[in-house]
Each structure stands twice: as structure tokens, then as C-alpha cells.
Protein backbone atom coordinates (compact mmCIF):
# COMPACT_ATOMS: atom_id res chain seq x y z
CA MET A 1 0.00 0.00 0.00
CA ALA A 2 2.81 2.42 0.93
CA ASP A 3 4.65 1.68 -2.33
CA ARG A 4 1.47 2.26 -4.32
CA THR A 5 0.88 5.57 -2.53
CA LEU A 6 4.44 6.68 -3.26
CA ARG A 7 4.10 5.68 -6.90
CA SER A 8 0.83 7.64 -7.15
CA ALA A 9 2.49 10.65 -5.53
CA GLY A 10 5.39 10.36 -7.96
CA VAL A 11 3.09 10.22 -10.96
CA MET A 12 1.15 13.28 -9.73
CA ALA A 13 4.34 15.22 -8.99
CA ALA A 14 5.77 14.44 -12.43
CA GLY A 15 2.57 15.58 -14.10
CA THR A 16 2.49 18.76 -12.02
CA VAL A 17 6.11 19.65 -12.82
CA LEU A 18 5.71 19.04 -16.56
CA SER A 19 2.41 20.95 -16.64
CA ARG A 20 3.98 23.93 -14.88
CA LEU A 21 6.93 23.84 -17.27
CA LEU A 22 4.58 23.97 -20.25
CA GLY A 23 2.63 26.71 -18.48
CA PHE A 24 5.76 28.85 -18.36
CA ILE A 25 6.43 28.10 -22.03
CA ARG A 26 2.90 29.38 -22.73
CA ILE A 27 3.68 32.56 -20.77
CA ALA A 28 6.90 33.02 -22.73
CA LEU A 29 5.06 32.65 -26.04
CA LEU A 30 2.37 35.09 -24.88
CA ALA A 31 4.98 37.62 -23.83
CA ALA A 32 6.58 37.36 -27.26
CA ALA A 33 3.26 37.59 -29.09
CA ILE A 34 1.29 40.27 -27.24
CA GLY A 35 3.79 41.88 -24.86
CA THR A 36 3.57 42.41 -21.11
CA ALA A 37 1.88 45.84 -21.01
CA LEU A 38 -1.80 46.77 -21.58
CA ARG A 39 -2.17 44.51 -24.62
CA GLY A 40 -1.06 41.54 -22.52
CA ASP A 41 -3.13 42.65 -19.52
CA ILE A 42 -6.39 42.70 -21.48
CA PHE A 43 -6.05 39.08 -22.55
CA THR A 44 -4.61 37.92 -19.21
CA ALA A 45 -7.57 39.36 -17.32
CA ALA A 46 -10.13 37.86 -19.70
CA ASN A 47 -8.49 34.42 -19.60
CA THR A 48 -8.32 34.50 -15.77
CA ILE A 49 -11.96 35.45 -15.19
CA PRO A 50 -13.53 32.05 -16.13
CA ASN A 51 -11.49 30.10 -13.59
CA SER A 52 -12.20 32.74 -10.94
CA LEU A 53 -15.94 32.65 -11.60
CA TYR A 54 -15.97 28.85 -11.63
CA ILE A 55 -14.28 28.76 -8.21
CA LEU A 56 -16.66 31.41 -6.87
CA LEU A 57 -19.93 30.08 -8.27
CA ALA A 58 -19.39 26.32 -8.25
CA GLY A 59 -15.86 25.27 -7.33
CA GLY A 60 -16.28 25.69 -3.59
CA VAL A 61 -19.48 23.64 -3.64
CA PHE A 62 -17.96 20.85 -5.73
CA ASN A 63 -14.83 20.51 -3.64
CA THR A 64 -16.29 20.91 -0.16
CA VAL A 65 -19.72 19.35 -0.66
CA LEU A 66 -19.81 16.81 -3.46
CA VAL A 67 -16.40 15.18 -3.29
CA PRO A 68 -16.51 13.80 0.30
CA GLN A 69 -19.95 12.31 -0.37
CA LEU A 70 -18.71 10.88 -3.65
CA VAL A 71 -15.85 9.03 -1.98
CA ARG A 72 -18.14 7.58 0.70
CA ALA A 73 -20.67 6.42 -1.90
CA ILE A 74 -18.03 4.60 -3.96
CA LYS A 75 -16.79 2.83 -0.85
CA ASN A 76 -20.12 2.02 0.83
CA HIS A 77 -22.89 1.64 -1.77
CA ASP A 78 -23.69 -1.80 -3.13
CA ASP A 79 -23.33 -0.64 -6.73
CA GLY A 80 -19.92 0.92 -6.06
CA GLY A 81 -21.46 4.37 -6.10
CA GLN A 82 -22.53 4.17 -9.77
CA ASP A 83 -26.01 5.60 -9.25
CA PHE A 84 -24.91 8.28 -6.80
CA THR A 85 -21.96 9.30 -8.98
CA ASN A 86 -24.18 9.62 -12.04
CA ARG A 87 -26.60 11.80 -10.09
CA VAL A 88 -23.76 14.02 -8.87
CA LEU A 89 -22.20 14.32 -12.32
CA THR A 90 -25.55 15.11 -13.95
CA PHE A 91 -26.37 17.68 -11.29
CA GLY A 92 -22.93 19.24 -11.69
CA PHE A 93 -23.10 19.36 -15.48
CA VAL A 94 -26.53 21.02 -15.38
CA VAL A 95 -25.43 23.62 -12.81
CA LEU A 96 -22.28 24.36 -14.81
CA ALA A 97 -24.23 24.73 -18.05
CA ILE A 98 -26.70 27.17 -16.48
CA VAL A 99 -23.91 29.20 -14.85
CA THR A 100 -21.88 29.28 -18.05
CA VAL A 101 -24.76 30.43 -20.27
CA GLY A 102 -25.71 33.10 -17.73
CA CYS A 103 -22.15 34.40 -17.53
CA VAL A 104 -21.74 34.52 -21.32
CA LEU A 105 -24.93 36.59 -21.58
CA LEU A 106 -23.56 38.92 -18.89
CA ALA A 107 -20.10 39.13 -20.45
CA PRO A 108 -20.07 42.95 -20.88
CA ALA A 109 -21.09 43.51 -17.24
CA ILE A 110 -18.55 40.97 -16.00
CA ALA A 111 -15.78 42.61 -18.02
CA GLU A 112 -16.67 46.00 -16.57
CA LEU A 113 -16.07 44.70 -13.03
CA TYR A 114 -12.39 44.15 -13.80
CA LEU A 115 -11.74 47.38 -15.69
CA PRO A 116 -10.14 50.38 -13.90
CA PRO A 117 -11.41 53.97 -14.36
CA GLU A 118 -8.53 54.59 -16.80
CA LEU A 119 -10.24 52.30 -19.34
CA HIS A 120 -13.69 53.84 -18.95
CA GLU A 121 -12.68 56.99 -20.81
CA ALA A 122 -14.28 57.55 -24.22
CA GLU A 123 -11.01 57.25 -26.14
CA ARG A 124 -10.47 53.78 -24.64
CA ALA A 125 -13.57 52.25 -26.27
CA SER A 126 -11.50 49.95 -28.50
CA GLU A 127 -9.62 48.48 -25.53
CA ARG A 128 -12.89 47.90 -23.70
CA ALA A 129 -14.34 46.20 -26.77
CA SER A 130 -11.35 43.86 -26.96
CA MET A 131 -11.73 43.02 -23.28
CA VAL A 132 -15.45 42.23 -23.68
CA MET A 133 -14.81 40.05 -26.73
CA PHE A 134 -12.07 38.10 -24.98
CA VAL A 135 -14.27 37.63 -21.91
CA ARG A 136 -17.12 36.33 -24.08
CA LEU A 137 -14.79 33.90 -25.88
CA CYS A 138 -13.19 32.65 -22.66
CA LEU A 139 -16.25 32.34 -20.39
CA PRO A 140 -17.29 28.92 -21.80
CA GLN A 141 -14.21 27.66 -19.98
CA ILE A 142 -16.33 27.74 -16.81
CA PHE A 143 -18.21 24.61 -17.91
CA PHE A 144 -15.05 22.77 -18.95
CA TYR A 145 -13.17 23.70 -15.76
CA GLY A 146 -16.03 22.42 -13.62
CA ALA A 147 -16.63 19.24 -15.61
CA PHE A 148 -12.89 18.53 -15.50
CA VAL A 149 -12.86 18.79 -11.70
CA LEU A 150 -15.97 16.61 -11.35
CA VAL A 151 -14.68 13.84 -13.61
CA GLY A 152 -11.21 14.12 -12.09
CA GLN A 153 -12.55 13.69 -8.56
CA VAL A 154 -14.42 10.55 -9.63
CA LEU A 155 -11.13 9.20 -10.98
CA ASN A 156 -9.29 10.15 -7.78
CA ALA A 157 -11.95 8.43 -5.69
CA ARG A 158 -11.27 5.32 -7.77
CA ARG A 159 -7.53 5.73 -7.17
CA ARG A 160 -6.75 6.88 -10.71
CA PHE A 161 -4.61 9.89 -9.73
CA GLY A 162 -2.43 10.34 -12.79
CA PRO A 163 -4.93 11.47 -15.48
CA MET A 164 -6.11 14.58 -13.59
CA MET A 165 -2.52 15.72 -13.06
CA TRP A 166 -1.39 14.99 -16.61
CA ALA A 167 -4.46 16.28 -18.50
CA PRO A 168 -3.50 19.98 -18.10
CA ILE A 169 -0.49 19.20 -20.26
CA ALA A 170 -2.88 18.74 -23.20
CA ASN A 171 -4.44 22.12 -22.40
CA ASN A 172 -1.05 23.84 -22.42
CA ILE A 173 -0.07 22.16 -25.69
CA VAL A 174 -3.23 23.40 -27.42
CA ALA A 175 -2.82 26.90 -25.97
CA CYS A 176 0.84 27.02 -27.01
CA ALA A 177 -0.10 25.87 -30.51
CA SER A 178 -2.65 28.68 -30.84
CA ILE A 179 -0.04 31.24 -29.78
CA ILE A 180 2.53 29.86 -32.23
CA VAL A 181 -0.03 30.19 -35.04
CA PHE A 182 -0.64 33.75 -33.80
CA LEU A 183 3.09 34.48 -34.04
CA LEU A 184 3.23 33.06 -37.55
CA ILE A 185 0.26 35.05 -38.83
CA TYR A 186 0.58 38.40 -37.06
CA ARG A 187 3.59 40.67 -36.87
CA VAL A 188 5.36 40.89 -33.50
CA GLY A 189 6.61 44.31 -32.53
CA ASP A 190 5.25 47.57 -31.16
CA ASN A 191 1.64 46.41 -31.35
CA PRO A 192 -1.29 48.68 -30.45
CA PRO A 193 -3.15 47.86 -27.20
CA THR A 194 -6.20 46.65 -29.14
CA TYR A 195 -6.63 43.50 -31.21
CA SER A 196 -8.07 42.72 -34.59
CA HIS A 197 -11.10 40.43 -34.73
CA GLY A 198 -8.95 37.59 -36.05
CA GLU A 199 -6.44 37.98 -33.20
CA GLU A 200 -9.25 37.88 -30.65
CA LEU A 201 -10.75 34.72 -32.12
CA LEU A 202 -7.41 32.93 -32.36
CA LEU A 203 -6.26 33.65 -28.82
CA GLY A 204 -9.65 33.42 -27.11
CA LEU A 205 -10.90 30.26 -28.82
CA GLY A 206 -7.44 28.67 -28.71
CA HIS A 207 -7.32 28.87 -24.92
CA THR A 208 -10.95 27.81 -24.50
CA ILE A 209 -10.44 24.78 -26.75
CA GLY A 210 -7.41 23.92 -24.64
CA ILE A 211 -9.59 23.68 -21.50
CA ALA A 212 -12.13 21.56 -23.43
CA VAL A 213 -9.39 19.18 -24.57
CA GLN A 214 -8.19 18.94 -20.96
CA LEU A 215 -11.65 17.56 -20.06
CA LEU A 216 -11.89 15.25 -23.08
CA VAL A 217 -8.59 13.60 -22.16
CA LEU A 218 -10.17 12.34 -18.91
CA LEU A 219 -13.23 10.68 -20.45
CA PRO A 220 -11.54 7.46 -21.67
CA TYR A 221 -9.97 7.04 -18.23
CA LEU A 222 -13.38 7.43 -16.58
CA ARG A 223 -14.71 4.42 -18.50
CA ALA A 224 -11.47 2.50 -17.90
CA SER A 225 -11.84 3.08 -14.14
CA GLY A 226 -15.05 1.06 -14.20
CA HIS A 227 -17.58 3.90 -14.15
CA ILE A 228 -20.10 4.10 -16.98
CA TYR A 229 -21.73 7.52 -17.01
CA LYS A 230 -25.46 7.70 -17.72
CA PRO A 231 -27.45 10.90 -17.03
CA LYS A 232 -29.43 10.50 -13.81
CA PHE A 233 -31.42 13.35 -12.28
CA GLY A 234 -32.40 13.94 -8.66
CA LEU A 235 -30.46 14.33 -5.39
CA ARG A 236 -33.32 13.77 -2.91
CA GLY A 237 -32.26 11.52 -0.05
CA THR A 238 -28.55 11.65 -0.88
CA GLY A 239 -27.57 13.56 2.28
CA LEU A 240 -25.91 16.41 0.40
CA GLY A 241 -27.94 19.09 2.20
CA HIS A 242 -26.16 18.58 5.54
CA THR A 243 -22.75 18.53 3.88
CA ALA A 244 -23.60 21.71 1.99
CA ARG A 245 -24.32 23.51 5.25
CA LEU A 246 -20.94 22.41 6.61
CA GLY A 247 -19.21 23.81 3.52
CA THR A 248 -20.81 27.25 3.77
CA TRP A 249 -17.80 28.84 5.50
CA THR A 250 -15.44 27.47 2.87
CA VAL A 251 -17.59 28.90 0.09
CA LEU A 252 -17.58 32.29 1.83
CA PHE A 253 -13.79 31.95 2.16
CA VAL A 254 -13.58 31.59 -1.63
CA ALA A 255 -15.89 34.57 -2.16
CA VAL A 256 -13.64 36.83 -0.09
CA ASN A 257 -10.65 35.81 -2.20
CA GLN A 258 -12.52 36.70 -5.37
CA VAL A 259 -13.30 40.21 -4.10
CA THR A 260 -9.59 40.69 -3.55
CA LEU A 261 -8.87 39.40 -7.05
CA VAL A 262 -11.25 41.91 -8.65
CA VAL A 263 -9.66 44.86 -6.83
CA VAL A 264 -6.10 43.70 -7.55
CA THR A 265 -6.93 43.11 -11.23
CA GLN A 266 -8.37 46.61 -11.59
CA LEU A 267 -5.35 48.21 -9.95
CA ALA A 268 -2.88 46.13 -11.95
CA ILE A 269 -4.50 47.02 -15.28
CA ALA A 270 -4.53 50.68 -14.19
CA GLY A 271 -0.74 50.62 -14.23
CA SER A 272 -0.63 49.43 -17.84
CA ALA A 273 -3.50 51.71 -18.90
CA SER A 274 -1.91 54.87 -17.50
CA ASP A 275 -0.47 57.56 -19.74
CA ASP A 276 2.90 57.05 -18.05
CA PRO A 277 5.37 56.41 -20.90
CA GLY A 278 7.89 53.59 -20.89
CA ALA A 279 7.87 50.09 -19.41
CA LYS A 280 5.02 49.17 -17.07
CA ALA A 281 4.35 46.48 -14.48
CA GLY A 282 0.65 45.68 -14.70
CA LEU A 283 -1.47 42.55 -14.58
CA PHE A 284 0.70 40.45 -16.89
CA ALA A 285 3.77 41.19 -14.77
CA TYR A 286 1.88 40.53 -11.51
CA SER A 287 0.26 37.30 -12.75
CA THR A 288 3.52 35.95 -14.15
CA ALA A 289 5.38 36.73 -10.93
CA MET A 290 2.59 35.06 -8.96
CA LEU A 291 2.95 31.89 -11.04
CA ILE A 292 6.69 31.89 -10.33
CA ILE A 293 6.38 32.24 -6.55
CA LEU A 294 3.74 29.49 -6.44
CA VAL A 295 6.09 26.90 -7.97
CA PRO A 296 7.59 25.79 -4.62
CA HIS A 297 4.12 26.02 -3.10
CA GLY A 298 2.60 23.70 -5.69
CA ILE A 299 5.41 21.16 -5.60
CA VAL A 300 6.41 21.18 -1.92
CA THR A 301 3.88 22.93 0.33
CA VAL A 302 0.73 21.35 -1.07
CA SER A 303 2.29 17.88 -1.07
CA LEU A 304 3.38 18.04 2.59
CA ALA A 305 0.13 19.66 3.70
CA THR A 306 -1.92 17.01 1.90
CA ALA A 307 0.07 14.27 3.63
CA ALA A 308 -0.08 15.92 7.06
CA LEU A 309 -3.75 16.92 7.22
CA PRO A 310 -5.26 13.41 7.61
CA GLN A 311 -2.79 12.59 10.38
CA MET A 312 -3.40 15.88 12.19
CA SER A 313 -7.16 15.34 11.84
CA ALA A 314 -6.87 11.92 13.47
CA LEU A 315 -4.78 13.34 16.31
CA ALA A 316 -7.24 16.20 16.82
CA ALA A 317 -10.13 13.73 16.92
CA ASP A 318 -8.27 11.81 19.66
CA GLY A 319 -7.75 15.02 21.63
CA ASP A 320 -3.94 14.89 21.33
CA THR A 321 -3.48 18.62 20.79
CA ALA A 322 0.18 18.57 21.85
CA GLU A 323 1.05 16.16 19.04
CA VAL A 324 -1.00 18.25 16.60
CA ALA A 325 1.15 21.24 17.55
CA ARG A 326 4.36 19.25 17.06
CA MET A 327 3.28 17.84 13.71
CA SER A 328 2.06 21.19 12.42
CA SER A 329 5.29 22.99 13.30
CA ARG A 330 7.41 20.10 12.00
CA SER A 331 5.59 20.24 8.64
CA ILE A 332 6.08 24.01 8.48
CA ARG A 333 9.81 23.71 9.20
CA GLN A 334 10.25 20.94 6.63
CA THR A 335 8.53 23.05 3.98
CA LEU A 336 10.43 26.22 4.87
CA ALA A 337 13.71 24.35 4.46
CA ILE A 338 13.00 24.49 0.71
CA VAL A 339 10.74 27.53 0.46
CA VAL A 340 13.11 29.97 2.24
CA PRO A 341 16.05 29.47 -0.18
CA ALA A 342 13.59 29.50 -3.09
CA ALA A 343 12.27 32.89 -1.95
CA ALA A 344 15.82 34.20 -1.47
CA ALA A 345 16.72 33.06 -4.99
CA MET A 346 13.65 34.77 -6.47
CA ILE A 347 14.66 38.03 -4.82
CA ALA A 348 18.38 37.82 -5.61
CA PHE A 349 18.03 36.52 -9.19
CA ALA A 350 14.69 37.99 -10.19
CA TYR A 351 15.94 39.61 -13.38
CA PRO A 352 17.37 36.47 -15.03
CA ILE A 353 14.28 34.51 -13.92
CA VAL A 354 11.85 36.88 -15.67
CA THR A 355 14.23 37.18 -18.64
CA LEU A 356 14.10 33.42 -19.09
CA ILE A 357 10.28 33.42 -18.96
CA ALA A 358 9.31 36.67 -20.68
CA GLY A 359 12.40 38.01 -22.43
CA TYR A 360 11.22 37.34 -25.97
CA GLY A 361 9.64 39.39 -28.78
CA SER A 362 7.28 42.07 -27.49
CA GLY A 363 8.09 41.25 -23.86
CA ARG A 364 11.75 42.24 -23.95
CA ASN A 365 11.23 45.86 -22.93
CA ASN A 366 9.43 45.27 -19.64
CA LEU A 367 11.81 43.02 -17.72
CA THR A 368 13.11 45.40 -15.08
CA LEU A 369 9.71 46.24 -13.61
CA MET A 370 8.66 42.60 -13.89
CA SER A 371 11.69 41.63 -11.83
CA TYR A 372 10.80 44.23 -9.18
CA THR A 373 7.28 42.77 -9.05
CA LEU A 374 8.72 39.29 -8.52
CA MET A 375 10.94 40.61 -5.72
CA THR A 376 8.07 42.14 -3.75
CA LEU A 377 5.82 39.10 -4.23
CA ALA A 378 8.66 36.78 -3.18
CA LEU A 379 8.75 38.60 0.16
CA GLY A 380 5.34 37.08 0.83
CA VAL A 381 6.26 33.46 0.02
CA VAL A 382 7.38 32.56 3.56
CA PRO A 383 4.40 34.08 5.44
CA PHE A 384 2.05 32.61 2.83
CA THR A 385 3.53 29.15 3.45
CA ILE A 386 3.23 29.45 7.22
CA GLN A 387 -0.35 30.70 6.97
CA TYR A 388 -1.25 27.87 4.59
CA PHE A 389 -0.24 25.30 7.21
CA GLN A 390 -1.88 27.23 10.03
CA LEU A 391 -5.19 27.14 8.18
CA ARG A 392 -4.79 23.39 7.69
CA THR A 393 -4.35 23.04 11.45
CA PHE A 394 -7.73 24.73 11.94
CA TYR A 395 -9.20 22.34 9.35
CA ALA A 396 -7.79 19.39 11.33
CA PHE A 397 -10.17 20.44 14.12
CA GLU A 398 -13.02 20.70 11.56
CA ASP A 399 -13.02 24.46 12.07
CA THR A 400 -13.80 26.25 8.80
CA ARG A 401 -15.35 29.29 10.49
CA THR A 402 -12.12 30.72 11.94
CA PRO A 403 -10.20 30.51 8.62
CA PHE A 404 -13.00 32.48 6.98
CA PHE A 405 -12.66 35.38 9.41
CA LEU A 406 -8.87 35.24 9.16
CA GLN A 407 -9.19 35.39 5.39
CA CYS A 408 -11.39 38.46 5.76
CA VAL A 409 -8.50 40.16 7.58
CA ILE A 410 -6.04 39.07 4.87
CA ALA A 411 -8.35 40.38 2.14
CA ALA A 412 -9.01 43.66 3.95
CA THR A 413 -5.27 44.21 4.51
CA ASN A 414 -4.40 43.33 0.93
CA ILE A 415 -7.13 45.55 -0.53
CA ALA A 416 -6.38 48.49 1.77
CA ALA A 417 -2.63 48.32 1.16
CA ALA A 418 -3.17 47.94 -2.59
CA LEU A 419 -5.58 50.89 -2.82
CA ILE A 420 -3.38 53.14 -0.69
CA GLY A 421 -0.24 52.08 -2.52
CA VAL A 422 -1.57 52.50 -6.06
CA ARG A 423 -4.17 55.27 -5.71
CA VAL A 424 -2.55 57.38 -2.96
CA LEU A 425 1.21 56.83 -2.96
CA LEU A 426 1.61 56.55 -6.74
CA ASP A 427 0.92 59.60 -8.83
CA GLU A 428 0.15 59.45 -12.54
CA ALA A 429 3.85 59.69 -13.38
CA HIS A 430 4.64 56.51 -11.44
CA LEU A 431 1.50 54.43 -11.94
CA ARG A 432 3.57 52.04 -14.04
CA PHE A 433 4.86 50.61 -10.74
CA SER A 434 1.39 49.29 -9.80
CA GLY A 435 2.44 45.62 -10.10
CA VAL A 436 5.39 46.21 -7.79
CA VAL A 437 3.19 47.88 -5.17
CA LEU A 438 0.58 45.13 -5.42
CA GLY A 439 3.31 42.57 -4.72
CA ALA A 440 4.27 44.45 -1.56
CA ALA A 441 0.60 44.60 -0.50
CA TYR A 442 0.32 40.83 -0.91
CA ALA A 443 3.42 40.23 1.22
CA LEU A 444 2.17 42.61 3.93
CA ALA A 445 -1.26 40.93 4.03
CA TYR A 446 0.19 37.48 4.72
CA LEU A 447 2.65 38.82 7.28
CA VAL A 448 -0.31 40.31 9.17
CA ALA A 449 -2.17 37.01 8.76
CA VAL A 450 0.63 35.00 10.36
CA LEU A 451 0.97 37.38 13.28
CA LEU A 452 -2.79 37.31 13.86
CA SER A 453 -3.34 33.58 13.31
CA ARG A 454 -0.70 32.26 15.69
CA PRO A 455 -2.27 33.59 18.91
CA VAL A 456 -5.72 32.49 17.68
CA LEU A 457 -4.34 29.02 16.98
CA ARG A 458 -2.94 28.85 20.52
CA ARG A 459 -6.50 28.48 21.75
CA LYS A 460 -6.61 25.08 20.07
CA VAL A 461 -3.02 23.85 20.33
CA PRO A 462 -0.70 24.50 23.31
CA ARG A 463 2.90 25.66 23.39
CA VAL A 464 4.97 22.49 23.56
CA PRO A 465 8.75 21.90 23.47
CA GLY A 466 10.09 21.38 19.98
CA ALA A 467 7.10 23.00 18.28
CA GLY A 468 8.60 26.43 17.58
CA ILE A 469 9.36 27.84 14.15
CA GLY A 470 10.83 31.27 14.97
CA LEU A 471 14.49 30.35 15.59
CA PRO A 472 14.69 27.68 12.85
CA LEU A 473 13.19 30.20 10.41
CA LEU A 474 15.76 32.84 11.39
CA ALA A 475 18.58 30.32 10.88
CA MET A 476 17.20 29.35 7.46
CA VAL A 477 16.99 33.01 6.43
CA ILE A 478 20.64 33.54 7.47
CA ALA A 479 21.74 30.48 5.48
CA ALA A 480 19.65 31.46 2.44
CA VAL A 481 20.93 35.06 2.44
CA ALA A 482 24.50 33.77 2.71
CA GLY A 483 23.93 31.44 -0.24
CA ALA A 484 22.21 34.08 -2.39
CA GLY A 485 24.86 36.64 -1.48
CA ALA A 486 27.66 34.28 -2.51
CA GLY A 487 25.86 33.63 -5.79
CA LYS A 488 25.51 37.37 -6.49
CA ILE A 489 29.21 37.97 -5.79
CA VAL A 490 30.32 35.18 -8.12
CA LEU A 491 27.99 36.40 -10.88
CA TRP A 492 29.30 39.96 -10.48
CA VAL A 493 32.87 38.77 -10.85
CA LEU A 494 32.05 36.64 -13.88
CA SER A 495 30.07 39.50 -15.47
CA LEU A 496 33.38 41.26 -16.07
CA ALA A 497 34.09 38.63 -18.72
CA ILE A 498 30.69 37.12 -19.59
CA ASP A 499 27.65 38.72 -21.21
CA TRP A 500 24.52 37.53 -19.37
CA SER A 501 22.04 39.31 -21.67
CA GLY A 502 19.12 37.49 -23.26
CA PRO A 503 17.33 34.25 -22.33
CA LEU A 504 20.38 32.08 -23.05
CA GLY A 505 22.51 34.25 -20.80
CA ALA A 506 19.79 34.02 -18.15
CA ILE A 507 19.93 30.21 -18.24
CA LEU A 508 23.69 30.26 -17.74
CA GLU A 509 23.40 32.90 -15.01
CA LEU A 510 20.80 30.88 -13.08
CA ALA A 511 22.84 27.69 -13.46
CA VAL A 512 25.93 29.37 -11.99
CA ALA A 513 23.84 30.90 -9.20
CA ALA A 514 22.41 27.48 -8.29
CA VAL A 515 25.83 25.82 -8.29
CA VAL A 516 27.11 28.46 -5.86
CA MET A 517 24.03 29.08 -3.71
CA LEU A 518 22.90 25.57 -2.88
CA PRO A 519 26.19 24.28 -1.39
CA VAL A 520 26.62 27.48 0.63
CA TYR A 521 23.05 27.20 1.94
CA ALA A 522 23.59 23.55 2.87
CA GLY A 523 26.95 24.29 4.48
CA VAL A 524 25.73 27.19 6.61
CA SER A 525 22.69 25.13 7.59
CA ARG A 526 24.96 22.35 8.84
CA VAL A 527 26.95 24.85 10.89
CA LEU A 528 23.75 26.32 12.34
CA ARG A 529 22.37 22.80 12.90
CA ILE A 530 19.17 23.30 10.97
CA HIS A 531 17.96 19.71 11.13
CA GLU A 532 15.25 20.05 8.49
CA VAL A 533 17.72 21.32 5.89
CA ASN A 534 20.26 18.67 6.82
CA ASP A 535 17.58 15.99 6.42
CA VAL A 536 16.74 17.27 2.92
CA VAL A 537 20.44 17.33 1.96
CA SER A 538 20.94 13.80 3.30
CA MET A 539 17.90 12.54 1.39
CA VAL A 540 19.15 14.08 -1.87
CA THR A 541 22.77 12.95 -1.51
CA SER A 542 21.66 9.42 -0.62
CA LYS A 543 20.15 9.17 -4.11
CA LEU A 544 23.43 10.15 -5.77
CA PRO A 545 26.29 7.72 -6.48
CA ILE A 546 28.59 9.81 -4.29
CA GLY A 547 26.18 9.52 -1.38
CA ARG A 548 25.98 5.72 -1.44
């Protein structure tokens, strides 16, 4: 059983890593094709809205209400959950279809929600029209996102984990193909902020078809798993009503996040839409930097949290709060052993990182402000990681109410800091720095969240020996700064003889930085006796011929 679990985890991790790699290739192609200023922001916003609306209108319900019942039905019902699963899938498909049609009809109003005042001026009518068209073309993704999650959860419940993790690769391939066709047909250069009708259709439909293909890839695996889907209506007597009431706080949690997203999107686009000449850090820069900082989160944090939550839940159910505290802090320290140096690297080597991802075609002229945006967002990686685990500790006690109120504080802090930073501290001449300021607002919000959540969490878990994170975190920061500093010094010396410009130079620069930083980080960690880092180093070296 343990070997099978490890194999499943390995398959999922491999799919996640490859999907993220292709996702960054898609970003690089987009940067080359449409740039990273207002032209890029318009499409980025429109292509983000469907997933946001799906999560807001249906995603929370599907994940917190339907999935647990689905797993129990497959395990306990005489027919292996066939009837119940068909009812759930049919219900979900109908809800998604209704929501999707309604949103498409309301596309102009939905687009307006995300547009800043700068784009409501009369002379900006063409940009608004492009935004509305892209939103209308992308909104059908809501149905495909939701259906993908529903079918994927049925597969997961039947222990078919790989397809759901690997299917997004097909989506990225289709999206990348549409962008390559775009590059072949349309000239890349100093493009106007608006799009032709053909450009809108190619990019919008290309990305929507990609999400549809992502769903279609799962269907053969659904039949192979032993489930034959037949439409079946009616949920009376299924027990979903009680579960829905339990998931209310989680749904509200999601809603608060979406309010923050609307405000941040408006403010980010405002930076690109301003009359401020020169390079600008708007939504494209902010979204790309966010994808970068979430790489260690997706690969490391989520994996450890997923493994730890069932065990913490069992301990909480037994009333062993001291062991919950130890396990929670141990998981945090283990994650930070990788996240802290990753954050330090993003700050120290931000420019070559964004050059590698967006330093092509129309995106070449916006790299400096993109790197500043990555730096400020990277400051929030560590508090975000700690808060992520703290929320999971609340969930271990089946407390979804407290995380909701904590998320309200995070959202309020993020929104307030963003509004003050962009609308008060930045004048029209410096509005191009909006993405950078929004990154700082994000980091501040999660720092406040950590400081607020820890004393609240103390009401559930006690202070116990060996459950601290403050001193180990400080030691990790010292080791990471030492490693990043050594890498910067070596790169500065080599820059006297080597030209690091361009994406190829960025690859070489990052390779040299890694070769220098990682050994220094490991060495300082050994001196400071950071056990979690030493354990990671031992695990890695044991897999190498030199470590055997």
C-alpha cells in the first residue's frame, strides 16, 4: 500500500512539474506575441476570469460538498457508487451549463467589473471592446473547468490519480499551438493595445479549446476506471444538504478571495493603462510573478500539507493537541527548508528569472519592472507558506469558520494596502509601478495574517517543546541570504568577462547561481544545525552515487 501511494504521488508530482513547465512556455510565447503591457493585460484578465468565476460560483461547492460524499458512496454503496456518482455528475453538469450560459450573456457587465477607471474613458472604447470580446470567448471555460474537476474527482476516488494531473499538459499544448499560429500570422513588434477580430478569435478560442481538450482527455480514463456515465437526475435523499451547510464557511472563504482578485486586477491594469510612458508592471507582470512564486508552493507545500492533514485530523479527533502542535510545526519547518532558499533566490536573481520566462519578442522591454514585481511578491512566500499550514491546522479540528474570518483580515489588509499604494502613494507619473506595489501589498497581508493567526491558533493547540518555528526560520533566512549573497558575488565577478544578456545568458546565469548558492546554503545550515535542511540534503545525496 505504501509503495502504491508513493508511486501515485510520484506520478502526480511528475505531471504537475511538466504541466507547470509547459505553463511557463505558454507565458513566454504570450509575452513574445502580445507583450507584457496593456495589450497583454487585457487578454490575461479575460483568460483568468472564467477560472475565478468557476471557483466562486461552483468550485467551492464541488470541492467541499460533493467530493466527500462521492468518496463515501463509492466505498459504501452496493453498486460501487454508480447511481450516486451519475446523479452528482448530472447535477454538476446542469449547474455548470446554467452558470456558463448566464455568464456569457452577462459578459459585458462581468468585463466592466475588472476594468479600472482609466479604461472607462471615451477614447479607450476599442480596448474595452477587446476586453469584452475576450471575456465572451473565454467564459465557456467555466463549464469545462467544472466538468474537468468533477470527472477528475471521480477518478481520484477510484484511485486513478495520474490522469487529472497529466491532462492539463494537453491544455497547455493546445494553448501554445494557438499562440505559435498567432506568431506566424501576425507581426510581432510595437503592437497597439487593441486587437483585430482575427487575433481575438485565435487567442480566445485557442485557450478555451485547450480547457475543453483537458476535459476530453479524462473521459476514456473514466470508462477504464469502471464507471459508466449515464445521465441521472435527482439528489433527494442523498444527504448532500447537511454537507452543503458544513461547507458554507469554505464557500464564503472563496468569495472573499474573489473580491480581492477583482480589486487587484483593476489596480494592476490601471498601471498598464496609464499615460505614463515607458515600461510598465501591470497585470501580466503581476500574474507571471505570482505563477513563479507558487512553484515551490505547488510542488512542496501542497504535497506536505496534503500528507499531514489526515494525520493531524486523526490526532485532533483523539484530543492529542500537543502532538497536533508538534506535527504542524514540523511540517512548516520541513517546507520552509526548501521555500526559504527558493524565496531568497527569487529576490536575488529575479531579473534572469523573468528574462528566461518573458524576455522574448514584445516582452523584452518590460523586464526590469517585472523583476521588481517578482521581488516584492517573493517577500510574501514565507508568510504565505506558514499561513497555509496554520489554516490546515484549523481544518484538522473541523473548524472552517475561523479561517474564513482570518481570510477576511487578509483580504481587507491586501485591498487596503493595494488601494493606498496604487491610488494614494503613486501619482500618474509613477502608476507604471502598480504591479510592484501590489506585490508588496500581498506580502504585507500574509505577514499580518501569520501574526494574527498564531495567537488564535494557541486556543486550540498548546505551546509544547520542539514546536517552535521562529528560531529555525531565522537560521534558514541567514543560510539562504548567505547562499544568495555568494551567488551574487560570483555572478558579479564573472560578469566582467561574460555577457549575461538574453534568455540564453539568463539560463547560464541561473545555473551558476544554483551551483554556488545551494552548497553554501547547505553548508551554513549544517553549521547552524538546521535539522530540516540537513535531512533534505541527506535525502538528496543518498540518491546520488557519491552519497551511497
